[in-house]
C-alpha atoms as a PDB file:
ATOM      1  CA  UNK A   1     171.356 181.342  96.749  1.00  0.00           C
ATOM      2  CA  UNK A   2     171.712 177.746  97.927  1.00  0.00           C
ATOM      3  CA  UNK A   3     168.470 178.047  99.873  1.00  0.00           C
ATOM      4  CA  UNK A   4     166.563 179.236  96.813  1.00  0.00           C
ATOM      5  CA  UNK A   5     168.017 176.544  94.591  1.00  0.00           C
ATOM      6  CA  UNK A   6     167.334 173.863  97.205  1.00  0.00           C
ATOM      7  CA  UNK A   7     163.762 174.988  97.633  1.00  0.00           C
ATOM      8  CA  UNK A   8     163.265 174.879  93.881  1.00  0.00           C
ATOM      9  CA  UNK A   9     164.746 171.386  93.824  1.00  0.00           C
ATOM     10  CA  UNK A  10     162.383 170.379  96.595  1.00  0.00           C
ATOM     11  CA  UNK A  11     159.338 171.536  94.683  1.00  0.00           C
ATOM     12  CA  UNK A  12     160.607 169.872  91.513  1.00  0.00           C
ATOM     13  CA  UNK A  13     161.250 166.664  93.420  1.00  0.00           C
ATOM     14  CA  UNK A  14     157.745 166.685  94.825  1.00  0.00           C
ATOM     15  CA  UNK A  15     156.347 167.154  91.341  1.00  0.00           C
ATOM     16  CA  UNK A  16     158.481 164.336  89.965  1.00  0.00           C
ATOM     17  CA  UNK A  17     157.387 161.989  92.748  1.00  0.00           C
ATOM     18  CA  UNK A  18     153.762 162.803  92.051  1.00  0.00           C
ATOM     19  CA  UNK A  19     154.187 162.359  88.309  1.00  0.00           C
ATOM     20  CA  UNK A  20     156.095 159.099  88.701  1.00  0.00           C
ATOM     21  CA  UNK A  21     152.981 157.304  89.978  1.00  0.00           C
ATOM     22  CA  UNK A  22     151.369 155.210  87.246  1.00  0.00           C
ATOM     23  CA  UNK A  23     148.626 157.284  85.620  1.00  0.00           C
ATOM     24  CA  UNK A  24     145.769 155.491  83.931  1.00  0.00           C
ATOM     25  CA  UNK A  25     143.039 158.085  83.658  1.00  0.00           C
ATOM     26  CA  UNK A  26     140.165 156.913  81.522  1.00  0.00           C
ATOM     27  CA  UNK A  27     138.491 160.328  81.569  1.00  0.00           C
ATOM     28  CA  UNK A  28     138.721 163.665  83.371  1.00  0.00           C
ATOM     29  CA  UNK A  29     136.459 166.711  83.527  1.00  0.00           C
ATOM     30  CA  UNK A  30     137.442 169.771  85.573  1.00  0.00           C
ATOM     31  CA  UNK A  31     134.966 172.156  83.887  1.00  0.00           C
ATOM     32  CA  UNK A  32     137.648 174.543  82.707  1.00  0.00           C
ATOM     33  CA  UNK A  33     135.232 176.485  80.475  1.00  0.00           C
ATOM     34  CA  UNK A  34     133.878 180.010  80.137  1.00  0.00           C
ATOM     35  CA  UNK A  35     131.008 180.611  82.533  1.00  0.00           C
ATOM     36  CA  UNK A  36     127.564 179.850  81.147  1.00  0.00           C
ATOM     37  CA  UNK A  37     125.833 176.906  79.514  1.00  0.00           C
ATOM     38  CA  UNK A  38     127.733 173.605  79.501  1.00  0.00           C
ATOM     39  CA  UNK A  39     126.276 172.701  76.093  1.00  0.00           C
ATOM     40  CA  UNK A  40     129.075 172.376  73.535  1.00  0.00           C
ATOM     41  CA  UNK A  41     131.869 172.273  76.131  1.00  0.00           C
ATOM     42  CA  UNK A  42     134.583 170.037  74.746  1.00  0.00           C
ATOM     43  CA  UNK A  43     137.458 170.138  77.215  1.00  0.00           C
ATOM     44  CA  UNK A  44     138.793 167.541  79.608  1.00  0.00           C
ATOM     45  CA  UNK A  45     140.117 164.181  78.419  1.00  0.00           C
ATOM     46  CA  UNK A  46     138.687 160.794  77.520  1.00  0.00           C
ATOM     47  CA  UNK A  47     135.545 161.966  75.743  1.00  0.00           C
ATOM     48  CA  UNK A  48     134.559 161.615  72.094  1.00  0.00           C
ATOM     49  CA  UNK A  49     132.030 164.440  71.913  1.00  0.00           C
ATOM     50  CA  UNK A  50     131.076 167.733  73.595  1.00  0.00           C
ATOM     51  CA  UNK A  51     128.567 168.079  76.414  1.00  0.00           C
ATOM     52  CA  UNK A  52     124.889 168.029  75.468  1.00  0.00           C
ATOM     53  CA  UNK A  53     121.805 168.696  77.564  1.00  0.00           C
ATOM     54  CA  UNK A  54     121.514 171.392  80.207  1.00  0.00           C
ATOM     55  CA  UNK A  55     123.335 172.922  83.159  1.00  0.00           C
ATOM     56  CA  UNK A  56     125.786 175.754  83.723  1.00  0.00           C
ATOM     57  CA  UNK A  57     129.474 176.278  84.343  1.00  0.00           C
ATOM     58  CA  UNK A  58     129.790 178.608  87.326  1.00  0.00           C
ATOM     59  CA  UNK A  59     132.796 180.073  89.053  1.00  0.00           C
ATOM     60  CA  UNK A  60     135.277 181.491  89.061  1.00  0.00           C
ATOM     61  CA  UNK A  61     136.579 178.817  91.444  1.00  0.00           C
ATOM     62  CA  UNK A  62     136.469 175.045  91.629  1.00  0.00           C
ATOM     63  CA  UNK A  63     134.789 173.212  94.464  1.00  0.00           C
ATOM     64  CA  UNK A  64     137.180 172.618  97.347  1.00  0.00           C
ATOM     65  CA  UNK A  65     137.853 169.513  99.419  1.00  0.00           C
ATOM     66  CA  UNK A  66     140.486 168.877 102.074  1.00  0.00           C
ATOM     67  CA  UNK A  67     140.819 165.962 104.442  1.00  0.00           C
ATOM     68  CA  UNK A  68     143.307 164.335 106.786  1.00  0.00           C
ATOM     69  CA  UNK A  69     144.600 160.814 106.443  1.00  0.00           C
ATOM     70  CA  UNK A  70     148.138 160.968 105.066  1.00  0.00           C
ATOM     71  CA  UNK A  71     149.954 160.009 108.237  1.00  0.00           C
ATOM     72  CA  UNK A  72     148.326 162.846 110.148  1.00  0.00           C
ATOM     73  CA  UNK A  73     149.162 165.396 107.472  1.00  0.00           C
ATOM     74  CA  UNK A  74     146.495 167.339 105.643  1.00  0.00           C
ATOM     75  CA  UNK A  75     146.245 167.587 101.885  1.00  0.00           C
ATOM     76  CA  UNK A  76     143.674 168.695  99.391  1.00  0.00           C
ATOM     77  CA  UNK A  77     142.268 167.271  96.205  1.00  0.00           C
ATOM     78  CA  UNK A  78     143.881 168.647  93.053  1.00  0.00           C
ATOM     79  CA  UNK A  79     141.398 170.855  91.195  1.00  0.00           C
ATOM     80  CA  UNK A  80     141.272 173.101  88.133  1.00  0.00           C
ATOM     81  CA  UNK A  81     138.866 175.346  86.273  1.00  0.00           C
ATOM     82  CA  UNK A  82     135.404 176.314  87.518  1.00  0.00           C
ATOM     83  CA  UNK A  83     132.537 173.971  88.486  1.00  0.00           C
ATOM     84  CA  UNK A  84     129.228 172.660  87.125  1.00  0.00           C
ATOM     85  CA  UNK A  85     125.697 173.274  88.404  1.00  0.00           C
ATOM     86  CA  UNK A  86     122.836 171.035  87.296  1.00  0.00           C
ATOM     87  CA  UNK A  87     119.720 172.463  85.717  1.00  0.00           C
ATOM     88  CA  UNK A  88     117.488 170.540  88.114  1.00  0.00           C
ATOM     89  CA  UNK A  89     113.966 169.425  87.204  1.00  0.00           C
ATOM     90  CA  UNK A  90     115.227 166.024  85.964  1.00  0.00           C
ATOM     91  CA  UNK A  91     117.183 167.557  83.080  1.00  0.00           C
ATOM     92  CA  UNK A  92     120.727 166.239  82.706  1.00  0.00           C
ATOM     93  CA  UNK A  93     123.982 166.902  80.896  1.00  0.00           C
ATOM     94  CA  UNK A  94     125.470 164.025  78.846  1.00  0.00           C
ATOM     95  CA  UNK A  95     128.900 163.209  77.480  1.00  0.00           C
ATOM     96  CA  UNK A  96     130.137 160.133  75.589  1.00  0.00           C
ATOM     97  CA  UNK A  97     133.340 158.329  76.586  1.00  0.00           C
ATOM     98  CA  UNK A  98     136.078 157.868  73.987  1.00  0.00           C
ATOM     99  CA  UNK A  99     136.709 154.303  75.167  1.00  0.00           C
ATOM    100  CA  UNK A 100     133.655 152.372  76.419  1.00  0.00           C
ATOM    101  CA  UNK A 101     134.174 150.589  79.753  1.00  0.00           C
ATOM    102  CA  UNK A 102     134.188 146.782  79.497  1.00  0.00           C
ATOM    103  CA  UNK A 103     131.883 145.297  82.152  1.00  0.00           C
ATOM    104  CA  UNK A 104     133.383 141.798  81.988  1.00  0.00           C
ATOM    105  CA  UNK A 105     136.926 142.475  83.218  1.00  0.00           C
ATOM    106  CA  UNK A 106     139.109 144.983  85.016  1.00  0.00           C
ATOM    107  CA  UNK A 107     138.689 147.587  87.746  1.00  0.00           C
ATOM    108  CA  UNK A 108     137.412 151.114  87.271  1.00  0.00           C
ATOM    109  CA  UNK A 109     137.410 153.915  89.843  1.00  0.00           C
ATOM    110  CA  UNK A 110     135.126 156.964  89.720  1.00  0.00           C
ATOM    111  CA  UNK A 111     135.599 160.017  91.914  1.00  0.00           C
ATOM    112  CA  UNK A 112     134.005 163.457  92.015  1.00  0.00           C
ATOM    113  CA  UNK A 113     133.201 166.438  94.210  1.00  0.00           C
ATOM    114  CA  UNK A 114     129.597 167.364  94.950  1.00  0.00           C
ATOM    115  CA  UNK A 115     127.910 170.113  96.926  1.00  0.00           C
ATOM    116  CA  UNK A 116     124.206 169.750  97.622  1.00  0.00           C
ATOM    117  CA  UNK A 117     124.065 173.072  99.484  1.00  0.00           C
ATOM    118  CA  UNK A 118     122.457 173.866 102.805  1.00  0.00           C
ATOM    119  CA  UNK A 119     118.950 174.616 101.587  1.00  0.00           C
ATOM    120  CA  UNK A 120     116.137 172.162 100.915  1.00  0.00           C
ATOM    121  CA  UNK A 121     117.801 169.111  99.314  1.00  0.00           C
ATOM    122  CA  UNK A 122     116.912 167.906  95.821  1.00  0.00           C
ATOM    123  CA  UNK A 123     115.050 164.626  95.363  1.00  0.00           C
ATOM    124  CA  UNK A 124     118.261 163.151  93.950  1.00  0.00           C
ATOM    125  CA  UNK A 125     121.525 164.317  92.381  1.00  0.00           C
ATOM    126  CA  UNK A 126     124.489 162.492  90.943  1.00  0.00           C
ATOM    127  CA  UNK A 127     126.564 161.069  88.126  1.00  0.00           C
ATOM    128  CA  UNK A 128     125.423 158.038  86.114  1.00  0.00           C
ATOM    129  CA  UNK A 129     127.020 155.562  83.729  1.00  0.00           C
ATOM    130  CA  UNK A 130     124.909 154.879  80.640  1.00  0.00           C
ATOM    131  CA  UNK A 131     125.020 152.179  77.964  1.00  0.00           C
ATOM    132  CA  UNK A 132     123.821 152.172  74.359  1.00  0.00           C
ATOM    133  CA  UNK A 133     125.148 155.643  73.792  1.00  0.00           C
ATOM    134  CA  UNK A 134     123.040 157.720  76.186  1.00  0.00           C
ATOM    135  CA  UNK A 135     119.932 155.550  76.108  1.00  0.00           C
ATOM    136  CA  UNK A 136     120.056 153.363  79.234  1.00  0.00           C
ATOM    137  CA  UNK A 137     121.082 154.283  82.781  1.00  0.00           C
ATOM    138  CA  UNK A 138     123.068 151.409  84.291  1.00  0.00           C
ATOM    139  CA  UNK A 139     124.287 152.747  87.647  1.00  0.00           C
ATOM    140  CA  UNK A 140     123.855 155.993  89.581  1.00  0.00           C
ATOM    141  CA  UNK A 141     126.433 157.538  91.940  1.00  0.00           C
ATOM    142  CA  UNK A 142     125.595 160.317  94.376  1.00  0.00           C
ATOM    143  CA  UNK A 143     122.406 160.941  96.368  1.00  0.00           C
ATOM    144  CA  UNK A 144     119.804 158.356  95.254  1.00  0.00           C
ATOM    145  CA  UNK A 145     116.145 159.269  94.954  1.00  0.00           C
ATOM    146  CA  UNK A 146     114.613 160.376  98.277  1.00  0.00           C
ATOM    147  CA  UNK A 147     117.613 159.145 100.298  1.00  0.00           C
ATOM    148  CA  UNK A 148     119.182 162.476 101.361  1.00  0.00           C
ATOM    149  CA  UNK A 149     122.514 160.684 101.813  1.00  0.00           C
ATOM    150  CA  UNK A 150     125.392 159.805  99.492  1.00  0.00           C
ATOM    151  CA  UNK A 151     125.510 156.323  98.032  1.00  0.00           C
ATOM    152  CA  UNK A 152     124.580 154.551  94.791  1.00  0.00           C
ATOM    153  CA  UNK A 153     121.704 152.927  92.911  1.00  0.00           C
ATOM    154  CA  UNK A 154     122.297 149.955  90.586  1.00  0.00           C
ATOM    155  CA  UNK A 155     119.521 149.828  87.985  1.00  0.00           C
ATOM    156  CA  UNK A 156     117.558 146.589  87.945  1.00  0.00           C
ATOM    157  CA  UNK A 157     119.376 144.966  90.879  1.00  0.00           C
ATOM    158  CA  UNK A 158     117.287 144.125  93.980  1.00  0.00           C
ATOM    159  CA  UNK A 159     118.831 145.777  97.018  1.00  0.00           C
ATOM    160  CA  UNK A 160     121.030 147.875  94.771  1.00  0.00           C
ATOM    161  CA  UNK A 161     120.364 151.155  96.592  1.00  0.00           C
ATOM    162  CA  UNK A 162     122.867 151.771  99.384  1.00  0.00           C
ATOM    163  CA  UNK A 163     123.834 154.948 101.232  1.00  0.00           C
ATOM    164  CA  UNK A 164     126.338 156.156 103.796  1.00  0.00           C
ATOM    165  CA  UNK A 165     124.670 156.977 107.108  1.00  0.00           C
ATOM    166  CA  UNK A 166     125.828 160.561 107.433  1.00  0.00           C
ATOM    167  CA  UNK A 167     124.398 164.063 107.405  1.00  0.00           C
ATOM    168  CA  UNK A 168     123.240 165.185 103.978  1.00  0.00           C
ATOM    169  CA  UNK A 169     123.970 168.893 104.096  1.00  0.00           C
ATOM    170  CA  UNK A 170     127.281 170.103 102.710  1.00  0.00           C
ATOM    171  CA  UNK A 171     129.250 173.049 104.005  1.00  0.00           C
ATOM    172  CA  UNK A 172     128.625 175.931 101.565  1.00  0.00           C
ATOM    173  CA  UNK A 173     132.367 176.685 101.545  1.00  0.00           C
ATOM    174  CA  UNK A 174     133.470 173.114 100.897  1.00  0.00           C
ATOM    175  CA  UNK A 175     132.049 169.928  99.370  1.00  0.00           C
ATOM    176  CA  UNK A 176     131.855 166.171  99.709  1.00  0.00           C
ATOM    177  CA  UNK A 177     134.303 163.857  97.956  1.00  0.00           C
ATOM    178  CA  UNK A 178     132.890 160.493  96.926  1.00  0.00           C
ATOM    179  CA  UNK A 179     134.741 157.598  95.288  1.00  0.00           C
ATOM    180  CA  UNK A 180     133.452 154.354  93.801  1.00  0.00           C
ATOM    181  CA  UNK A 181     135.270 151.181  92.736  1.00  0.00           C
ATOM    182  CA  UNK A 182     133.765 148.801  90.192  1.00  0.00           C
ATOM    183  CA  UNK A 183     135.403 145.380  89.945  1.00  0.00           C
ATOM    184  CA  UNK A 184     134.249 143.666  86.750  1.00  0.00           C
ATOM    185  CA  UNK A 185     134.404 139.890  86.145  1.00  0.00           C
ATOM    186  CA  UNK A 186     132.653 137.492  83.725  1.00  0.00           C
ATOM    187  CA  UNK A 187     130.679 136.152  86.718  1.00  0.00           C
ATOM    188  CA  UNK A 188     129.417 139.389  88.225  1.00  0.00           C
ATOM    189  CA  UNK A 189     130.595 142.707  89.573  1.00  0.00           C
ATOM    190  CA  UNK A 190     131.318 144.355  92.907  1.00  0.00           C
ATOM    191  CA  UNK A 191     130.662 148.017  93.692  1.00  0.00           C
ATOM    192  CA  UNK A 192     132.499 149.638  96.617  1.00  0.00           C
ATOM    193  CA  UNK A 193     131.645 153.109  97.937  1.00  0.00           C
ATOM    194  CA  UNK A 194     134.051 155.389  99.827  1.00  0.00           C
ATOM    195  CA  UNK A 195     132.658 158.541 101.462  1.00  0.00           C
ATOM    196  CA  UNK A 196     135.079 161.451 102.020  1.00  0.00           C
ATOM    197  CA  UNK A 197     138.217 159.281 101.759  1.00  0.00           C
ATOM    198  CA  UNK A 198     141.772 160.685 102.021  1.00  0.00           C
ATOM    199  CA  UNK A 199     143.456 161.996  98.900  1.00  0.00           C
ATOM    200  CA  UNK A 200     146.447 160.182  97.508  1.00  0.00           C
ATOM    201  CA  UNK A 201     146.232 157.147  99.832  1.00  0.00           C
ATOM    202  CA  UNK A 202     144.046 154.189  98.867  1.00  0.00           C
ATOM    203  CA  UNK A 203     141.458 153.509 101.605  1.00  0.00           C
ATOM    204  CA  UNK A 204     141.252 149.938 102.864  1.00  0.00           C
ATOM    205  CA  UNK A 205     137.633 149.639 103.972  1.00  0.00           C
ATOM    206  CA  UNK A 206     134.674 150.844 101.882  1.00  0.00           C
ATOM    207  CA  UNK A 207     131.658 152.442 103.530  1.00  0.00           C
ATOM    208  CA  UNK A 208     129.344 150.206 101.507  1.00  0.00           C
ATOM    209  CA  UNK A 209     129.787 147.189  99.221  1.00  0.00           C
ATOM    210  CA  UNK A 210     127.310 145.590  96.852  1.00  0.00           C
ATOM    211  CA  UNK A 211     127.590 142.409  94.769  1.00  0.00           C
ATOM    212  CA  UNK A 212     126.064 142.960  91.325  1.00  0.00           C
ATOM    213  CA  UNK A 213     124.694 139.823  89.596  1.00  0.00           C
ATOM    214  CA  UNK A 214     126.130 139.012  86.180  1.00  0.00           C
ATOM    215  CA  UNK A 215     123.903 140.232  83.390  1.00  0.00           C
ATOM    216  CA  UNK A 216     122.771 143.343  85.271  1.00  0.00           C
ATOM    217  CA  UNK A 217     124.953 145.625  83.151  1.00  0.00           C
ATOM    218  CA  UNK A 218     125.201 145.869  79.394  1.00  0.00           C
ATOM    219  CA  UNK A 219     128.513 144.720  77.875  1.00  0.00           C
ATOM    220  CA  UNK A 220     129.904 148.261  77.856  1.00  0.00           C
ATOM    221  CA  UNK A 221     129.335 151.573  79.629  1.00  0.00           C
ATOM    222  CA  UNK A 222     129.419 154.326  77.054  1.00  0.00           C
ATOM    223  CA  UNK A 223     128.522 157.710  78.549  1.00  0.00           C
ATOM    224  CA  UNK A 224     128.186 159.928  81.613  1.00  0.00           C
ATOM    225  CA  UNK A 225     125.198 161.913  82.780  1.00  0.00           C
ATOM    226  CA  UNK A 226     125.055 164.548  85.542  1.00  0.00           C
ATOM    227  CA  UNK A 227     121.538 165.280  86.772  1.00  0.00           C
ATOM    228  CA  UNK A 228     119.429 166.322  89.742  1.00  0.00           C
ATOM    229  CA  UNK A 229     115.694 166.291  90.418  1.00  0.00           C
ATOM    230  CA  UNK A 230     113.684 168.877  92.283  1.00  0.00           C
ATOM    231  CA  UNK A 231     112.247 167.867  95.605  1.00  0.00           C
ATOM    232  CA  UNK A 232     110.280 169.583  98.345  1.00  0.00           C
ATOM    233  CA  UNK A 233     110.070 172.781  96.347  1.00  0.00           C
ATOM    234  CA  UNK A 234     113.832 173.031  95.825  1.00  0.00           C
ATOM    235  CA  UNK A 235     114.707 174.422  92.411  1.00  0.00           C
ATOM    236  CA  UNK A 236     118.399 174.988  93.074  1.00  0.00           C
ATOM    237  CA  UNK A 237     120.865 172.920  91.072  1.00  0.00           C
ATOM    238  CA  UNK A 238     123.544 170.739  92.648  1.00  0.00           C
ATOM    239  CA  UNK A 239     127.222 171.551  92.057  1.00  0.00           C
ATOM    240  CA  UNK A 240     129.714 168.975  90.746  1.00  0.00           C
ATOM    241  CA  UNK A 241     133.414 169.132  89.953  1.00  0.00           C
ATOM    242  CA  UNK A 242     136.584 167.132  89.301  1.00  0.00           C
ATOM    243  CA  UNK A 243     135.020 164.059  87.734  1.00  0.00           C
ATOM    244  CA  UNK A 244     137.722 161.450  87.250  1.00  0.00           C
ATOM    245  CA  UNK A 245     137.560 157.888  85.930  1.00  0.00           C
ATOM    246  CA  UNK A 246     140.694 155.782  86.293  1.00  0.00           C
ATOM    247  CA  UNK A 247     142.104 152.330  86.912  1.00  0.00           C
ATOM    248  CA  UNK A 248     143.642 153.106  90.324  1.00  0.00           C
ATOM    249  CA  UNK A 249     142.532 155.084  93.357  1.00  0.00           C
ATOM    250  CA  UNK A 250     145.311 157.654  92.973  1.00  0.00           C
ATOM    251  CA  UNK A 251     144.071 158.360  89.449  1.00  0.00           C
ATOM    252  CA  UNK A 252     140.791 159.693  90.821  1.00  0.00           C
ATOM    253  CA  UNK A 253     142.088 161.157  94.093  1.00  0.00           C
ATOM    254  CA  UNK A 254     145.305 163.068  93.318  1.00  0.00           C
ATOM    255  CA  UNK A 255     146.453 165.149  96.278  1.00  0.00           C
ATOM    256  CA  UNK A 256     148.093 168.555  96.466  1.00  0.00           C
ATOM    257  CA  UNK A 257     150.503 168.500  99.456  1.00  0.00           C
ATOM    258  CA  UNK A 258     149.864 170.901 102.293  1.00  0.00           C
ATOM    259  CA  UNK A 259     152.081 174.026 102.017  1.00  0.00           C
ATOM    260  CA  UNK A 260     153.723 173.081 105.309  1.00  0.00           C
ATOM    261  CA  UNK A 261     154.757 169.754 103.805  1.00  0.00           C
ATOM    262  CA  UNK A 262     156.416 171.471 100.846  1.00  0.00           C
ATOM    263  CA  UNK A 263     158.025 173.888 103.257  1.00  0.00           C
ATOM    264  CA  UNK A 264     159.540 170.945 105.110  1.00  0.00           C
ATOM    265  CA  UNK A 265     161.136 169.809 101.858  1.00  0.00           C
ATOM    266  CA  UNK A 266     162.856 173.181 101.666  1.00  0.00           C
ATOM    267  CA  UNK A 267     164.487 172.373 104.991  1.00  0.00           C
ATOM    268  CA  UNK A 268     165.304 168.720 104.365  1.00  0.00           C
ATOM    269  CA  UNK A 269     166.788 169.150 100.887  1.00  0.00           C
ATOM    270  CA  UNK A 270     169.384 171.809 101.878  1.00  0.00           C
ATOM    271  CA  UNK A 271     170.518 169.588 104.765  1.00  0.00           C
ATOM    272  CA  UNK A 272     170.895 166.636 102.426  1.00  0.00           C
ATOM    273  CA  UNK A 273     172.888 168.739  99.959  1.00  0.00           C
ATOM    274  CA  UNK A 274     175.225 169.959 102.681  1.00  0.00           C
ATOM    275  CA  UNK A 275     175.854 166.420 103.890  1.00  0.00           C
ATOM    276  CA  UNK A 276     176.701 165.295 100.378  1.00  0.00           C
ATOM    277  CA  UNK A 277     179.141 168.199 100.029  1.00  0.00           C
END
């Protein structure tokens, strides 16, 4: 009986530790919807309106991502629901944020899973921030046009296209995790890109950094768009999942501990209880 109780306490303790971290999610979309068209989907958090445009919720499972980095231990990104597949052919899905992002102060993190597949790659695919409702694309995150590698594209900024020098193709049974940090100031912005970083532990060195001149962005970022374009005869959509916007890295990269790690808690906690007795 003690073992069962201790194991339960261990799991509860792990949950409490995870929940004790400061959470400042601006928005979250895990695509927990019935399978089919994304149009009208109104779940997630941090949005003021349902999805419009085109693309499909597919499933039944989420995209999966697991990586090392937590002191040699493995963990996986927390996921829920199904996943989203773009319509391709330069047709996107849009959603408006409840609270526009101020581009003059603060730090915003964006993270998401993407799977480009192992067939002919699209011309581009990614997530964009828009201003003026859904009228103007300000910055693109993902695989920029004709790059075949993950990175970003800052609209209207010379040299604003940067990519990570890595293979484009994703494992069909897994996906790539990409994270971006935008540091906003009244004198200009900085965009940092992290490719396949560890979950739950803030990385120290970005894979790419770009200084954005002041005045490049509108005063606020108001909406998201997910879109891909067909290239080289490819008419397959790109899959996306677990889109998170937050004010810290842990907000956008929450980890689920490896089962072995939780199992270790079931050993450590009973020993601690016995010592206290």
